[in-house]
């Protein structure tokens, strides 16, 4: 299991524009057959700081997501409004319910 934390940093005056793009991205991604979870959160202290918490079966599933039409189309549009580069953390599960 692969957990992803992806952080976007958007210019404050562009948040409303980006929200429509995020809604489309989240909606389309949740329909992907290998998507386990794909949730978007906003930092209460910084309204331009968005955090995606994603779950994929493996790295290949994440790669397929990154190659999807909606990802390749929407992410560059979102990135036009960034105030700094996105950050990513990829984490593999070491203990599962099966191990307990």
Protein backbone atom coordinates (compact mmCIF):
# COMPACT_ATOMS: atom_id res chain seq x y z
CA UNK A 1 0.00 0.00 0.00
CA UNK A 2 1.31 3.44 -0.96
CA UNK A 3 0.23 6.57 0.88
CA UNK A 4 0.95 9.95 -0.70
CA UNK A 5 0.91 13.36 0.91
CA UNK A 6 1.08 16.05 -1.76
CA UNK A 7 1.17 19.71 -0.80
CA UNK A 8 0.29 22.59 -3.11
CA UNK A 9 0.99 26.23 -2.33
CA UNK A 10 -1.30 28.59 -4.23
CA UNK A 11 -1.19 32.38 -4.41
CA UNK A 12 -3.92 33.69 -2.07
CA UNK A 13 -5.63 35.74 -4.79
CA UNK A 14 -5.90 32.63 -7.01
CA UNK A 15 -7.51 30.21 -4.54
CA UNK A 16 -11.03 30.60 -5.96
CA UNK A 17 -9.84 29.91 -9.53
CA UNK A 18 -7.93 26.84 -8.43
CA UNK A 19 -10.82 25.41 -6.39
CA UNK A 20 -12.81 24.60 -9.55
CA UNK A 21 -9.77 22.77 -10.97
CA UNK A 22 -9.25 20.86 -7.71
CA UNK A 23 -12.91 19.80 -7.65
CA UNK A 24 -12.60 18.38 -11.14
CA UNK A 25 -9.30 16.66 -10.31
CA UNK A 26 -10.63 15.04 -7.14
CA UNK A 27 -13.87 13.93 -8.79
CA UNK A 28 -12.12 12.35 -11.78
CA UNK A 29 -9.39 10.74 -9.67
CA UNK A 30 -11.86 9.10 -7.29
CA UNK A 31 -13.35 7.36 -10.35
CA UNK A 32 -10.02 5.77 -11.27
CA UNK A 33 -10.25 2.00 -10.72
CA UNK A 34 -7.03 1.79 -8.66
CA UNK A 35 -7.72 4.82 -6.45
CA UNK A 36 -8.27 3.76 -2.85
CA UNK A 37 -8.47 7.28 -1.39
CA UNK A 38 -7.92 10.78 -2.73
CA UNK A 39 -8.88 13.57 -0.36
CA UNK A 40 -8.06 17.27 -0.44
CA UNK A 41 -7.65 19.40 2.67
CA UNK A 42 -6.94 23.09 3.21
CA UNK A 43 -4.70 24.46 5.93
CA UNK A 44 -6.83 26.51 8.35
CA UNK A 45 -3.92 28.88 8.99
CA UNK A 46 -2.95 29.29 5.33
CA UNK A 47 -5.84 29.22 2.82
CA UNK A 48 -3.42 28.80 -0.10
CA UNK A 49 -1.89 25.63 1.35
CA UNK A 50 -3.66 22.51 0.07
CA UNK A 51 -2.86 18.96 1.13
CA UNK A 52 -3.85 15.85 -0.79
CA UNK A 53 -3.86 12.59 1.13
CA UNK A 54 -3.91 9.73 -1.34
CA UNK A 55 -3.83 5.97 -1.14
CA UNK A 56 -2.86 3.67 -3.99
CA UNK A 57 -2.20 -0.09 -4.11
CA UNK A 58 1.37 0.48 -5.35
CA UNK A 59 3.72 2.82 -7.21
CA UNK A 60 2.47 1.62 -10.61
CA UNK A 61 -1.08 2.72 -9.73
CA UNK A 62 0.25 6.17 -8.79
CA UNK A 63 2.15 6.34 -12.08
CA UNK A 64 -1.03 5.50 -14.00
CA UNK A 65 -2.81 8.29 -12.13
CA UNK A 66 -0.08 10.76 -13.08
CA UNK A 67 -0.46 9.69 -16.72
CA UNK A 68 -4.26 10.10 -16.73
CA UNK A 69 -5.86 12.67 -19.02
CA UNK A 70 -7.35 14.69 -16.18
CA UNK A 71 -4.07 14.83 -14.23
CA UNK A 72 -2.00 15.84 -17.26
CA UNK A 73 -4.56 18.50 -18.20
CA UNK A 74 -5.44 19.96 -14.78
CA UNK A 75 -2.13 19.98 -12.90
CA UNK A 76 -0.42 22.39 -15.33
CA UNK A 77 -3.44 24.71 -15.03
CA UNK A 78 -3.22 24.57 -11.24
CA UNK A 79 0.55 25.10 -11.31
CA UNK A 80 0.07 28.41 -13.13
CA UNK A 81 -1.16 29.78 -9.79
CA UNK A 82 1.45 28.32 -7.44
CA UNK A 83 3.46 30.51 -5.12
CA UNK A 84 6.11 27.81 -4.62
CA UNK A 85 6.77 24.28 -5.83
CA UNK A 86 4.65 21.41 -4.61
CA UNK A 87 6.06 18.93 -2.10
CA UNK A 88 5.47 15.18 -2.05
CA UNK A 89 5.92 12.44 0.53
CA UNK A 90 5.54 8.80 -0.56
CA UNK A 91 5.11 6.25 2.22
CA UNK A 92 4.85 2.47 2.07
CA UNK A 93 2.91 0.55 4.67
CA UNK A 94 5.12 -1.61 6.85
CA UNK A 95 2.40 -3.02 9.08
CA UNK A 96 -1.02 -3.99 7.78
CA UNK A 97 -4.13 -5.31 9.49
CA UNK A 98 -3.07 -8.76 8.29
CA UNK A 99 0.16 -8.44 10.33
CA UNK A 100 -1.68 -7.71 13.59
